[in-house]
């Protein structure tokens, strides 16, 4: 089977300091721009320090080729508004963007925003959002839609987006509703790295972090020094899980330990609220071989948690290069 180049979108490890947030994002974005990454993942939510559309423009203005992966939650905007941003970026920079379609935010934030839709209905709304956005961006004629959540009457976006600048849509939810909408809309389906690194790997996108060194032992020692266990941090994650109806977050949280497995799977950064995904720890060669195997099974797209440190990012690049897919 012929495999193609992996598209990798770095995301900075969780940052709780608004004074350093923008600087870290720009540092990773510029590193990504110079080292073959597709773009950078930008989060959305009440607790995100900078609105991702604003950050995306800041990044595109400060890079030469970056195509940001922007999180979009229908609770925060109308499909026409999102389409207008995409069209505007295309006109400003001649680049496409990627859209990470989400429904999740803290239950208390949903209540604060007056959104009382069920988990399943939020995914129905998400599917309609994607469909309407695509029509607005591609149709040469006014759009008419009579959906459950969105209605449009002779609505037209000008100018129509060139086909080569059409955004690609990703859906990262792990619930049945998320899987169904991803299939119905043709979005890139994402999943978390599984503990056995292989189970259920039937998607084209995956979310995890990489911690790599020249040797396996060196990588494991450095990873444990970087991500330390802390009861207060575990309690912070427990509080966020209680305030969430996210299926993927509960699946990662329930019944898991922070032990670093023999195969390199490590959940401690997630369990201590330092990352939003599992990590893969190992030598450059080990991780490269695993990535090559993932690509042979259909993986094309990676959301990659990274420590916003130049030396650590160089280690990640060496592991990616060892795959021959990057």
C-alpha atoms as a PDB file:
ATOM      1  CA  UNK A   1       0.000   0.000   0.000  1.00  0.00           C
ATOM      2  CA  UNK A   2       1.326   3.445  -0.932  1.00  0.00           C
ATOM      3  CA  UNK A   3       1.283   5.969   1.885  1.00  0.00           C
ATOM      4  CA  UNK A   4       1.431   9.736   1.564  1.00  0.00           C
ATOM      5  CA  UNK A   5       3.034  12.395   3.692  1.00  0.00           C
ATOM      6  CA  UNK A   6       1.570  12.841   7.162  1.00  0.00           C
ATOM      7  CA  UNK A   7      -0.029  16.226   7.841  1.00  0.00           C
ATOM      8  CA  UNK A   8       0.856  17.339  11.346  1.00  0.00           C
ATOM      9  CA  UNK A   9      -0.768  20.160  13.333  1.00  0.00           C
ATOM     10  CA  UNK A  10       1.092  20.945  16.565  1.00  0.00           C
ATOM     11  CA  UNK A  11      -0.795  22.183  19.598  1.00  0.00           C
ATOM     12  CA  UNK A  12       0.936  23.682  22.605  1.00  0.00           C
ATOM     13  CA  UNK A  13       0.670  21.814  25.882  1.00  0.00           C
ATOM     14  CA  UNK A  14      -1.914  23.364  28.168  1.00  0.00           C
ATOM     15  CA  UNK A  15      -0.915  26.909  29.137  1.00  0.00           C
ATOM     16  CA  UNK A  16      -2.530  28.507  32.201  1.00  0.00           C
ATOM     17  CA  UNK A  17      -0.706  31.851  31.961  1.00  0.00           C
ATOM     18  CA  UNK A  18      -2.339  34.498  29.709  1.00  0.00           C
ATOM     19  CA  UNK A  19       0.892  36.532  29.763  1.00  0.00           C
ATOM     20  CA  UNK A  20       2.788  33.843  27.834  1.00  0.00           C
ATOM     21  CA  UNK A  21      -0.057  32.328  25.770  1.00  0.00           C
ATOM     22  CA  UNK A  22       0.285  34.382  22.583  1.00  0.00           C
ATOM     23  CA  UNK A  23       4.073  34.243  22.643  1.00  0.00           C
ATOM     24  CA  UNK A  24       4.082  30.457  22.975  1.00  0.00           C
ATOM     25  CA  UNK A  25       1.570  30.056  20.157  1.00  0.00           C
ATOM     26  CA  UNK A  26       3.604  32.292  17.858  1.00  0.00           C
ATOM     27  CA  UNK A  27       6.842  30.523  18.733  1.00  0.00           C
ATOM     28  CA  UNK A  28       5.338  27.127  17.885  1.00  0.00           C
ATOM     29  CA  UNK A  29       3.578  28.499  14.782  1.00  0.00           C
ATOM     30  CA  UNK A  30       6.777  29.976  13.373  1.00  0.00           C
ATOM     31  CA  UNK A  31       8.707  26.803  14.177  1.00  0.00           C
ATOM     32  CA  UNK A  32       5.987  24.778  12.456  1.00  0.00           C
ATOM     33  CA  UNK A  33       6.080  27.083   9.444  1.00  0.00           C
ATOM     34  CA  UNK A  34       9.833  26.547   9.026  1.00  0.00           C
ATOM     35  CA  UNK A  35       9.867  22.787   9.640  1.00  0.00           C
ATOM     36  CA  UNK A  36       7.242  21.290   7.350  1.00  0.00           C
ATOM     37  CA  UNK A  37       4.194  21.216   9.607  1.00  0.00           C
ATOM     38  CA  UNK A  38       0.824  21.927   8.028  1.00  0.00           C
ATOM     39  CA  UNK A  39      -0.230  24.571  10.545  1.00  0.00           C
ATOM     40  CA  UNK A  40      -1.082  24.849  14.229  1.00  0.00           C
ATOM     41  CA  UNK A  41      -4.161  23.834  16.214  1.00  0.00           C
ATOM     42  CA  UNK A  42      -6.049  26.693  17.859  1.00  0.00           C
ATOM     43  CA  UNK A  43      -8.475  25.882  20.668  1.00  0.00           C
ATOM     44  CA  UNK A  44     -11.916  27.385  21.289  1.00  0.00           C
ATOM     45  CA  UNK A  45     -13.859  27.821  24.525  1.00  0.00           C
ATOM     46  CA  UNK A  46     -14.823  30.245  27.265  1.00  0.00           C
ATOM     47  CA  UNK A  47     -11.467  29.650  28.947  1.00  0.00           C
ATOM     48  CA  UNK A  48      -9.301  30.197  25.847  1.00  0.00           C
ATOM     49  CA  UNK A  49      -7.352  33.418  26.269  1.00  0.00           C
ATOM     50  CA  UNK A  50      -7.511  34.587  22.630  1.00  0.00           C
ATOM     51  CA  UNK A  51     -10.344  33.974  20.163  1.00  0.00           C
ATOM     52  CA  UNK A  52      -8.965  31.418  17.649  1.00  0.00           C
ATOM     53  CA  UNK A  53     -10.050  33.370  14.545  1.00  0.00           C
ATOM     54  CA  UNK A  54      -8.127  36.412  15.820  1.00  0.00           C
ATOM     55  CA  UNK A  55      -5.130  34.236  16.657  1.00  0.00           C
ATOM     56  CA  UNK A  56      -5.302  32.587  13.224  1.00  0.00           C
ATOM     57  CA  UNK A  57      -4.994  35.950  11.510  1.00  0.00           C
ATOM     58  CA  UNK A  58      -2.090  36.922  13.763  1.00  0.00           C
ATOM     59  CA  UNK A  59      -0.331  33.658  12.878  1.00  0.00           C
ATOM     60  CA  UNK A  60      -0.999  33.883   9.145  1.00  0.00           C
ATOM     61  CA  UNK A  61       0.339  37.432   9.097  1.00  0.00           C
ATOM     62  CA  UNK A  62       3.514  36.249  10.835  1.00  0.00           C
ATOM     63  CA  UNK A  63       4.202  33.132   8.750  1.00  0.00           C
ATOM     64  CA  UNK A  64       4.731  32.318   5.082  1.00  0.00           C
ATOM     65  CA  UNK A  65       2.801  29.087   4.506  1.00  0.00           C
ATOM     66  CA  UNK A  66       0.977  28.086   7.687  1.00  0.00           C
ATOM     67  CA  UNK A  67      -2.631  26.869   7.408  1.00  0.00           C
ATOM     68  CA  UNK A  68      -4.093  27.006  10.939  1.00  0.00           C
ATOM     69  CA  UNK A  69      -6.440  24.326  12.240  1.00  0.00           C
ATOM     70  CA  UNK A  70      -9.149  26.419  13.895  1.00  0.00           C
ATOM     71  CA  UNK A  71     -11.568  24.945  16.415  1.00  0.00           C
ATOM     72  CA  UNK A  72     -15.178  25.878  15.599  1.00  0.00           C
ATOM     73  CA  UNK A  73     -18.100  25.400  17.964  1.00  0.00           C
ATOM     74  CA  UNK A  74     -21.564  26.358  16.649  1.00  0.00           C
ATOM     75  CA  UNK A  75     -22.474  27.764  20.042  1.00  0.00           C
ATOM     76  CA  UNK A  76     -20.205  30.743  19.376  1.00  0.00           C
ATOM     77  CA  UNK A  77     -21.096  31.758  15.802  1.00  0.00           C
ATOM     78  CA  UNK A  78     -23.344  31.305  12.759  1.00  0.00           C
ATOM     79  CA  UNK A  79     -22.101  29.301   9.733  1.00  0.00           C
ATOM     80  CA  UNK A  80     -22.187  32.462   7.593  1.00  0.00           C
ATOM     81  CA  UNK A  81     -19.821  34.206  10.008  1.00  0.00           C
ATOM     82  CA  UNK A  82     -17.382  31.293   9.931  1.00  0.00           C
ATOM     83  CA  UNK A  83     -17.580  31.137   6.132  1.00  0.00           C
ATOM     84  CA  UNK A  84     -16.890  34.867   5.950  1.00  0.00           C
ATOM     85  CA  UNK A  85     -13.736  34.439   8.030  1.00  0.00           C
ATOM     86  CA  UNK A  86     -12.534  31.594   5.794  1.00  0.00           C
ATOM     87  CA  UNK A  87     -13.182  33.679   2.680  1.00  0.00           C
ATOM     88  CA  UNK A  88     -11.441  36.690   4.198  1.00  0.00           C
ATOM     89  CA  UNK A  89      -8.305  34.686   5.055  1.00  0.00           C
ATOM     90  CA  UNK A  90      -8.239  33.335   1.511  1.00  0.00           C
ATOM     91  CA  UNK A  91      -8.304  36.875   0.144  1.00  0.00           C
ATOM     92  CA  UNK A  92      -5.737  38.202   2.613  1.00  0.00           C
ATOM     93  CA  UNK A  93      -3.188  35.403   2.415  1.00  0.00           C
ATOM     94  CA  UNK A  94      -4.119  33.079  -0.476  1.00  0.00           C
ATOM     95  CA  UNK A  95      -4.093  30.135   1.945  1.00  0.00           C
ATOM     96  CA  UNK A  96      -6.625  27.566   3.063  1.00  0.00           C
ATOM     97  CA  UNK A  97      -7.482  26.820   6.657  1.00  0.00           C
ATOM     98  CA  UNK A  98      -8.582  23.638   8.399  1.00  0.00           C
ATOM     99  CA  UNK A  99     -11.559  23.561  10.754  1.00  0.00           C
ATOM    100  CA  UNK A 100     -11.751  21.342  13.837  1.00  0.00           C
ATOM    101  CA  UNK A 101     -15.501  21.018  14.375  1.00  0.00           C
ATOM    102  CA  UNK A 102     -16.424  20.583  18.043  1.00  0.00           C
ATOM    103  CA  UNK A 103     -19.490  20.710  20.268  1.00  0.00           C
ATOM    104  CA  UNK A 104     -17.834  20.400  23.652  1.00  0.00           C
ATOM    105  CA  UNK A 105     -17.302  22.994  26.301  1.00  0.00           C
ATOM    106  CA  UNK A 106     -17.850  22.947  30.042  1.00  0.00           C
ATOM    107  CA  UNK A 107     -21.426  22.219  31.093  1.00  0.00           C
ATOM    108  CA  UNK A 108     -21.387  25.381  33.195  1.00  0.00           C
ATOM    109  CA  UNK A 109     -20.374  27.379  30.110  1.00  0.00           C
ATOM    110  CA  UNK A 110     -23.218  25.863  28.095  1.00  0.00           C
ATOM    111  CA  UNK A 111     -25.600  26.872  30.867  1.00  0.00           C
ATOM    112  CA  UNK A 112     -24.103  30.339  30.996  1.00  0.00           C
ATOM    113  CA  UNK A 113     -24.641  30.732  27.258  1.00  0.00           C
ATOM    114  CA  UNK A 114     -28.221  29.487  27.514  1.00  0.00           C
ATOM    115  CA  UNK A 115     -27.610  26.369  25.414  1.00  0.00           C
ATOM    116  CA  UNK A 116     -29.703  23.501  26.765  1.00  0.00           C
ATOM    117  CA  UNK A 117     -29.487  21.148  23.781  1.00  0.00           C
ATOM    118  CA  UNK A 118     -28.617  17.522  24.463  1.00  0.00           C
ATOM    119  CA  UNK A 119     -25.241  16.058  23.516  1.00  0.00           C
ATOM    120  CA  UNK A 120     -26.816  14.274  20.536  1.00  0.00           C
ATOM    121  CA  UNK A 121     -28.650  17.379  19.311  1.00  0.00           C
ATOM    122  CA  UNK A 122     -25.493  19.454  19.465  1.00  0.00           C
ATOM    123  CA  UNK A 123     -24.009  17.028  16.938  1.00  0.00           C
ATOM    124  CA  UNK A 124     -27.076  17.327  14.716  1.00  0.00           C
ATOM    125  CA  UNK A 125     -26.500  21.082  14.786  1.00  0.00           C
ATOM    126  CA  UNK A 126     -22.813  20.543  14.016  1.00  0.00           C
ATOM    127  CA  UNK A 127     -23.667  18.525  10.911  1.00  0.00           C
ATOM    128  CA  UNK A 128     -26.006  21.248   9.657  1.00  0.00           C
ATOM    129  CA  UNK A 129     -23.323  23.849  10.364  1.00  0.00           C
ATOM    130  CA  UNK A 130     -20.767  22.018   8.196  1.00  0.00           C
ATOM    131  CA  UNK A 131     -23.261  21.464   5.380  1.00  0.00           C
ATOM    132  CA  UNK A 132     -24.343  25.119   5.265  1.00  0.00           C
ATOM    133  CA  UNK A 133     -20.764  26.381   5.424  1.00  0.00           C
ATOM    134  CA  UNK A 134     -19.764  24.208   2.490  1.00  0.00           C
ATOM    135  CA  UNK A 135     -22.692  25.422   0.422  1.00  0.00           C
ATOM    136  CA  UNK A 136     -21.957  29.061   1.186  1.00  0.00           C
ATOM    137  CA  UNK A 137     -18.292  28.704   0.293  1.00  0.00           C
ATOM    138  CA  UNK A 138     -18.803  26.762  -2.932  1.00  0.00           C
ATOM    139  CA  UNK A 139     -22.163  27.717  -4.426  1.00  0.00           C
ATOM    140  CA  UNK A 140     -22.281  30.241  -7.299  1.00  0.00           C
ATOM    141  CA  UNK A 141     -25.927  30.883  -6.455  1.00  0.00           C
ATOM    142  CA  UNK A 142     -27.806  31.967  -3.334  1.00  0.00           C
ATOM    143  CA  UNK A 143     -28.307  29.211  -0.788  1.00  0.00           C
ATOM    144  CA  UNK A 144     -31.669  28.097   0.580  1.00  0.00           C
ATOM    145  CA  UNK A 145     -31.743  25.796   3.599  1.00  0.00           C
ATOM    146  CA  UNK A 146     -34.526  24.698   5.932  1.00  0.00           C
ATOM    147  CA  UNK A 147     -32.800  22.657   8.597  1.00  0.00           C
ATOM    148  CA  UNK A 148     -33.620  21.897  12.188  1.00  0.00           C
ATOM    149  CA  UNK A 149     -31.115  24.412  13.539  1.00  0.00           C
ATOM    150  CA  UNK A 150     -30.288  26.649  10.584  1.00  0.00           C
ATOM    151  CA  UNK A 151     -32.425  28.330   7.964  1.00  0.00           C
ATOM    152  CA  UNK A 152     -31.190  30.383   5.034  1.00  0.00           C
ATOM    153  CA  UNK A 153     -33.169  32.188   2.357  1.00  0.00           C
ATOM    154  CA  UNK A 154     -31.295  33.365  -0.735  1.00  0.00           C
ATOM    155  CA  UNK A 155     -28.127  33.699   1.335  1.00  0.00           C
ATOM    156  CA  UNK A 156     -24.965  34.241  -0.674  1.00  0.00           C
ATOM    157  CA  UNK A 157     -21.311  34.647   0.215  1.00  0.00           C
ATOM    158  CA  UNK A 158     -19.242  36.811  -2.123  1.00  0.00           C
ATOM    159  CA  UNK A 159     -16.807  36.114  -3.576  1.00  0.00           C
ATOM    160  CA  UNK A 160     -17.089  32.358  -4.002  1.00  0.00           C
ATOM    161  CA  UNK A 161     -14.053  30.561  -2.610  1.00  0.00           C
ATOM    162  CA  UNK A 162     -11.641  28.981  -5.143  1.00  0.00           C
ATOM    163  CA  UNK A 163     -11.765  25.185  -4.945  1.00  0.00           C
ATOM    164  CA  UNK A 164      -8.093  24.914  -3.954  1.00  0.00           C
ATOM    165  CA  UNK A 165      -8.732  27.123  -0.902  1.00  0.00           C
ATOM    166  CA  UNK A 166     -11.751  25.218   0.399  1.00  0.00           C
ATOM    167  CA  UNK A 167     -11.253  24.314   4.073  1.00  0.00           C
ATOM    168  CA  UNK A 168     -11.032  20.730   5.245  1.00  0.00           C
ATOM    169  CA  UNK A 169     -13.219  19.768   8.201  1.00  0.00           C
ATOM    170  CA  UNK A 170     -12.206  17.515  11.100  1.00  0.00           C
ATOM    171  CA  UNK A 171     -14.432  16.058  13.819  1.00  0.00           C
ATOM    172  CA  UNK A 172     -12.688  14.923  16.978  1.00  0.00           C
ATOM    173  CA  UNK A 173     -15.572  13.562  19.075  1.00  0.00           C
ATOM    174  CA  UNK A 174     -15.544   9.913  20.138  1.00  0.00           C
ATOM    175  CA  UNK A 175     -19.276   9.393  20.766  1.00  0.00           C
ATOM    176  CA  UNK A 176     -21.645   7.558  18.430  1.00  0.00           C
ATOM    177  CA  UNK A 177     -23.225  10.897  17.513  1.00  0.00           C
ATOM    178  CA  UNK A 178     -19.821  12.334  16.586  1.00  0.00           C
ATOM    179  CA  UNK A 179     -18.901   9.286  14.525  1.00  0.00           C
ATOM    180  CA  UNK A 180     -22.223   9.423  12.678  1.00  0.00           C
ATOM    181  CA  UNK A 181     -21.908  13.114  11.808  1.00  0.00           C
ATOM    182  CA  UNK A 182     -18.305  12.662  10.664  1.00  0.00           C
ATOM    183  CA  UNK A 183     -19.439   9.914   8.294  1.00  0.00           C
ATOM    184  CA  UNK A 184     -22.487  11.811   7.021  1.00  0.00           C
ATOM    185  CA  UNK A 185     -20.551  14.993   6.343  1.00  0.00           C
ATOM    186  CA  UNK A 186     -17.375  13.384   5.029  1.00  0.00           C
ATOM    187  CA  UNK A 187     -15.244  15.126   7.669  1.00  0.00           C
ATOM    188  CA  UNK A 188     -11.852  13.757   8.667  1.00  0.00           C
ATOM    189  CA  UNK A 189     -12.599  11.555  11.669  1.00  0.00           C
ATOM    190  CA  UNK A 190     -10.223  11.918  14.611  1.00  0.00           C
ATOM    191  CA  UNK A 191      -9.541   9.648  17.568  1.00  0.00           C
ATOM    192  CA  UNK A 192      -7.254   9.591  20.583  1.00  0.00           C
ATOM    193  CA  UNK A 193      -4.177   7.374  20.507  1.00  0.00           C
ATOM    194  CA  UNK A 194      -5.384   4.019  21.953  1.00  0.00           C
ATOM    195  CA  UNK A 195      -3.455   2.300  24.767  1.00  0.00           C
ATOM    196  CA  UNK A 196      -2.456  -0.667  22.615  1.00  0.00           C
ATOM    197  CA  UNK A 197      -1.544   1.755  19.770  1.00  0.00           C
ATOM    198  CA  UNK A 198      -3.551  -0.352  17.343  1.00  0.00           C
ATOM    199  CA  UNK A 199      -7.071  -1.073  18.574  1.00  0.00           C
ATOM    200  CA  UNK A 200      -9.797   0.478  16.473  1.00  0.00           C
ATOM    201  CA  UNK A 201      -7.352   2.351  14.271  1.00  0.00           C
ATOM    202  CA  UNK A 202      -9.808   2.831  11.413  1.00  0.00           C
ATOM    203  CA  UNK A 203      -9.689   6.602  11.121  1.00  0.00           C
ATOM    204  CA  UNK A 204      -7.553   8.994   9.115  1.00  0.00           C
ATOM    205  CA  UNK A 205      -6.789  11.323  12.019  1.00  0.00           C
ATOM    206  CA  UNK A 206      -5.310  10.880  15.484  1.00  0.00           C
ATOM    207  CA  UNK A 207      -4.539  13.072  18.495  1.00  0.00           C
ATOM    208  CA  UNK A 208      -1.511  12.503  20.736  1.00  0.00           C
ATOM    209  CA  UNK A 209       1.775  13.980  21.878  1.00  0.00           C
ATOM    210  CA  UNK A 210       5.356  12.868  21.252  1.00  0.00           C
ATOM    211  CA  UNK A 211       8.267  12.823  23.675  1.00  0.00           C
ATOM    212  CA  UNK A 212      11.384  11.492  21.949  1.00  0.00           C
ATOM    213  CA  UNK A 213      15.123  11.102  22.399  1.00  0.00           C
ATOM    214  CA  UNK A 214      17.933   9.161  20.706  1.00  0.00           C
ATOM    215  CA  UNK A 215      17.363   6.154  22.980  1.00  0.00           C
ATOM    216  CA  UNK A 216      14.272   4.686  24.616  1.00  0.00           C
ATOM    217  CA  UNK A 217      15.621   4.979  28.162  1.00  0.00           C
ATOM    218  CA  UNK A 218      16.691   8.588  27.644  1.00  0.00           C
ATOM    219  CA  UNK A 219      13.227   9.464  26.332  1.00  0.00           C
ATOM    220  CA  UNK A 220      11.441   7.872  29.267  1.00  0.00           C
ATOM    221  CA  UNK A 221      13.727   9.538  31.810  1.00  0.00           C
ATOM    222  CA  UNK A 222      13.317  12.981  30.194  1.00  0.00           C
ATOM    223  CA  UNK A 223       9.536  12.561  29.891  1.00  0.00           C
ATOM    224  CA  UNK A 224       9.179  11.778  33.591  1.00  0.00           C
ATOM    225  CA  UNK A 225      11.296  14.823  34.432  1.00  0.00           C
ATOM    226  CA  UNK A 226       9.133  17.091  32.248  1.00  0.00           C
ATOM    227  CA  UNK A 227       5.679  15.811  33.278  1.00  0.00           C
ATOM    228  CA  UNK A 228       5.567  15.199  37.012  1.00  0.00           C
ATOM    229  CA  UNK A 229       2.669  13.680  38.916  1.00  0.00           C
ATOM    230  CA  UNK A 230       0.864  16.031  41.269  1.00  0.00           C
ATOM    231  CA  UNK A 231      -2.300  15.408  43.355  1.00  0.00           C
ATOM    232  CA  UNK A 232      -3.488  18.996  42.903  1.00  0.00           C
ATOM    233  CA  UNK A 233      -3.242  18.718  39.107  1.00  0.00           C
ATOM    234  CA  UNK A 234      -5.128  15.411  39.161  1.00  0.00           C
ATOM    235  CA  UNK A 235      -7.846  17.049  41.227  1.00  0.00           C
ATOM    236  CA  UNK A 236      -8.067  19.876  38.689  1.00  0.00           C
ATOM    237  CA  UNK A 237      -8.697  17.368  35.915  1.00  0.00           C
ATOM    238  CA  UNK A 238     -11.303  15.580  38.037  1.00  0.00           C
ATOM    239  CA  UNK A 239     -13.194  18.858  38.419  1.00  0.00           C
ATOM    240  CA  UNK A 240     -13.168  19.479  34.660  1.00  0.00           C
ATOM    241  CA  UNK A 241     -14.420  15.951  33.954  1.00  0.00           C
ATOM    242  CA  UNK A 242     -17.304  16.472  36.382  1.00  0.00           C
ATOM    243  CA  UNK A 243     -18.168  19.658  34.498  1.00  0.00           C
ATOM    244  CA  UNK A 244     -18.165  17.977  31.080  1.00  0.00           C
ATOM    245  CA  UNK A 245     -20.308  15.616  29.035  1.00  0.00           C
ATOM    246  CA  UNK A 246     -17.410  14.829  26.707  1.00  0.00           C
ATOM    247  CA  UNK A 247     -17.291  11.124  25.856  1.00  0.00           C
ATOM    248  CA  UNK A 248     -13.615  11.102  24.889  1.00  0.00           C
ATOM    249  CA  UNK A 249     -12.556  12.874  28.077  1.00  0.00           C
ATOM    250  CA  UNK A 250     -14.420  10.402  30.290  1.00  0.00           C
ATOM    251  CA  UNK A 251     -13.049   7.413  28.374  1.00  0.00           C
ATOM    252  CA  UNK A 252      -9.496   8.642  28.944  1.00  0.00           C
ATOM    253  CA  UNK A 253     -10.121   9.505  32.573  1.00  0.00           C
ATOM    254  CA  UNK A 254     -12.026   6.507  33.907  1.00  0.00           C
ATOM    255  CA  UNK A 255      -9.991   3.525  35.045  1.00  0.00           C
ATOM    256  CA  UNK A 256      -6.685   4.816  33.739  1.00  0.00           C
ATOM    257  CA  UNK A 257      -3.326   5.073  35.471  1.00  0.00           C
ATOM    258  CA  UNK A 258      -0.355   7.316  34.881  1.00  0.00           C
ATOM    259  CA  UNK A 259       2.075   4.453  34.322  1.00  0.00           C
ATOM    260  CA  UNK A 260       4.357   4.673  31.300  1.00  0.00           C
ATOM    261  CA  UNK A 261       3.574   1.507  29.331  1.00  0.00           C
ATOM    262  CA  UNK A 262       6.211  -0.696  27.696  1.00  0.00           C
ATOM    263  CA  UNK A 263       4.901   0.303  24.246  1.00  0.00           C
ATOM    264  CA  UNK A 264       5.411   4.002  25.038  1.00  0.00           C
ATOM    265  CA  UNK A 265       1.770   4.926  25.703  1.00  0.00           C
ATOM    266  CA  UNK A 266       1.579   7.474  28.521  1.00  0.00           C
ATOM    267  CA  UNK A 267      -1.498   9.154  29.938  1.00  0.00           C
ATOM    268  CA  UNK A 268       0.071  11.044  32.840  1.00  0.00           C
ATOM    269  CA  UNK A 269       0.252  14.429  30.999  1.00  0.00           C
ATOM    270  CA  UNK A 270      -3.521  14.194  30.485  1.00  0.00           C
ATOM    271  CA  UNK A 271      -4.305  12.945  33.993  1.00  0.00           C
ATOM    272  CA  UNK A 272      -2.367  15.853  35.511  1.00  0.00           C
ATOM    273  CA  UNK A 273      -4.109  18.458  33.319  1.00  0.00           C
ATOM    274  CA  UNK A 274      -0.909  19.282  31.424  1.00  0.00           C
ATOM    275  CA  UNK A 275      -2.141  18.026  28.035  1.00  0.00           C
ATOM    276  CA  UNK A 276      -5.410  17.144  26.331  1.00  0.00           C
ATOM    277  CA  UNK A 277      -4.316  13.773  24.974  1.00  0.00           C
ATOM    278  CA  UNK A 278      -2.076  10.748  25.603  1.00  0.00           C
ATOM    279  CA  UNK A 279       1.637  10.851  24.800  1.00  0.00           C
ATOM    280  CA  UNK A 280       3.839   8.444  22.855  1.00  0.00           C
ATOM    281  CA  UNK A 281       7.289   8.155  24.457  1.00  0.00           C
ATOM    282  CA  UNK A 282      10.301   6.481  22.884  1.00  0.00           C
ATOM    283  CA  UNK A 283      13.374   6.733  20.714  1.00  0.00           C
ATOM    284  CA  UNK A 284      13.296   8.517  17.375  1.00  0.00           C
ATOM    285  CA  UNK A 285      13.458   5.178  15.594  1.00  0.00           C
ATOM    286  CA  UNK A 286      10.704   3.573  17.705  1.00  0.00           C
ATOM    287  CA  UNK A 287       8.291   6.439  17.233  1.00  0.00           C
ATOM    288  CA  UNK A 288       9.164   6.757  13.559  1.00  0.00           C
ATOM    289  CA  UNK A 289       8.384   3.074  13.020  1.00  0.00           C
ATOM    290  CA  UNK A 290       5.037   3.412  14.805  1.00  0.00           C
ATOM    291  CA  UNK A 291       4.100   6.448  12.720  1.00  0.00           C
ATOM    292  CA  UNK A 292       4.997   4.614   9.532  1.00  0.00           C
ATOM    293  CA  UNK A 293       2.797   1.713  10.625  1.00  0.00           C
ATOM    294  CA  UNK A 294      -0.079   4.100  11.411  1.00  0.00           C
ATOM    295  CA  UNK A 295       0.269   5.708   7.978  1.00  0.00           C
ATOM    296  CA  UNK A 296       0.187   2.293   6.290  1.00  0.00           C
ATOM    297  CA  UNK A 297      -3.158   1.693   8.026  1.00  0.00           C
ATOM    298  CA  UNK A 298      -4.641   4.934   6.690  1.00  0.00           C
ATOM    299  CA  UNK A 299      -3.525   7.673   9.070  1.00  0.00           C
ATOM    300  CA  UNK A 300      -3.079  10.991   7.244  1.00  0.00           C
ATOM    301  CA  UNK A 301      -3.559  13.695   9.865  1.00  0.00           C
ATOM    302  CA  UNK A 302      -2.135  14.195  13.362  1.00  0.00           C
ATOM    303  CA  UNK A 303      -3.058  16.724  16.044  1.00  0.00           C
ATOM    304  CA  UNK A 304       0.231  16.717  17.914  1.00  0.00           C
ATOM    305  CA  UNK A 305       0.617  18.030  21.456  1.00  0.00           C
ATOM    306  CA  UNK A 306       4.023  19.692  21.822  1.00  0.00           C
ATOM    307  CA  UNK A 307       5.951  21.371  24.607  1.00  0.00           C
ATOM    308  CA  UNK A 308       6.589  24.969  23.499  1.00  0.00           C
ATOM    309  CA  UNK A 309      10.348  24.635  23.850  1.00  0.00           C
ATOM    310  CA  UNK A 310      12.784  24.836  20.919  1.00  0.00           C
ATOM    311  CA  UNK A 311      14.852  21.833  22.012  1.00  0.00           C
ATOM    312  CA  UNK A 312      11.779  19.653  22.596  1.00  0.00           C
ATOM    313  CA  UNK A 313      10.315  20.609  19.216  1.00  0.00           C
ATOM    314  CA  UNK A 314      13.571  19.599  17.515  1.00  0.00           C
ATOM    315  CA  UNK A 315      13.352  16.188  19.197  1.00  0.00           C
ATOM    316  CA  UNK A 316       9.800  15.822  17.853  1.00  0.00           C
ATOM    317  CA  UNK A 317      10.993  16.698  14.342  1.00  0.00           C
ATOM    318  CA  UNK A 318      13.643  13.966  14.506  1.00  0.00           C
ATOM    319  CA  UNK A 319      10.999  11.393  15.477  1.00  0.00           C
ATOM    320  CA  UNK A 320       8.697  12.536  12.675  1.00  0.00           C
ATOM    321  CA  UNK A 321      11.554  12.437  10.168  1.00  0.00           C
ATOM    322  CA  UNK A 322      12.392   8.883  11.220  1.00  0.00           C
ATOM    323  CA  UNK A 323       8.986   7.795   9.941  1.00  0.00           C
ATOM    324  CA  UNK A 324       9.809   8.731   6.357  1.00  0.00           C
ATOM    325  CA  UNK A 325       6.258  10.076   6.177  1.00  0.00           C
ATOM    326  CA  UNK A 326       7.029  13.684   7.159  1.00  0.00           C
END
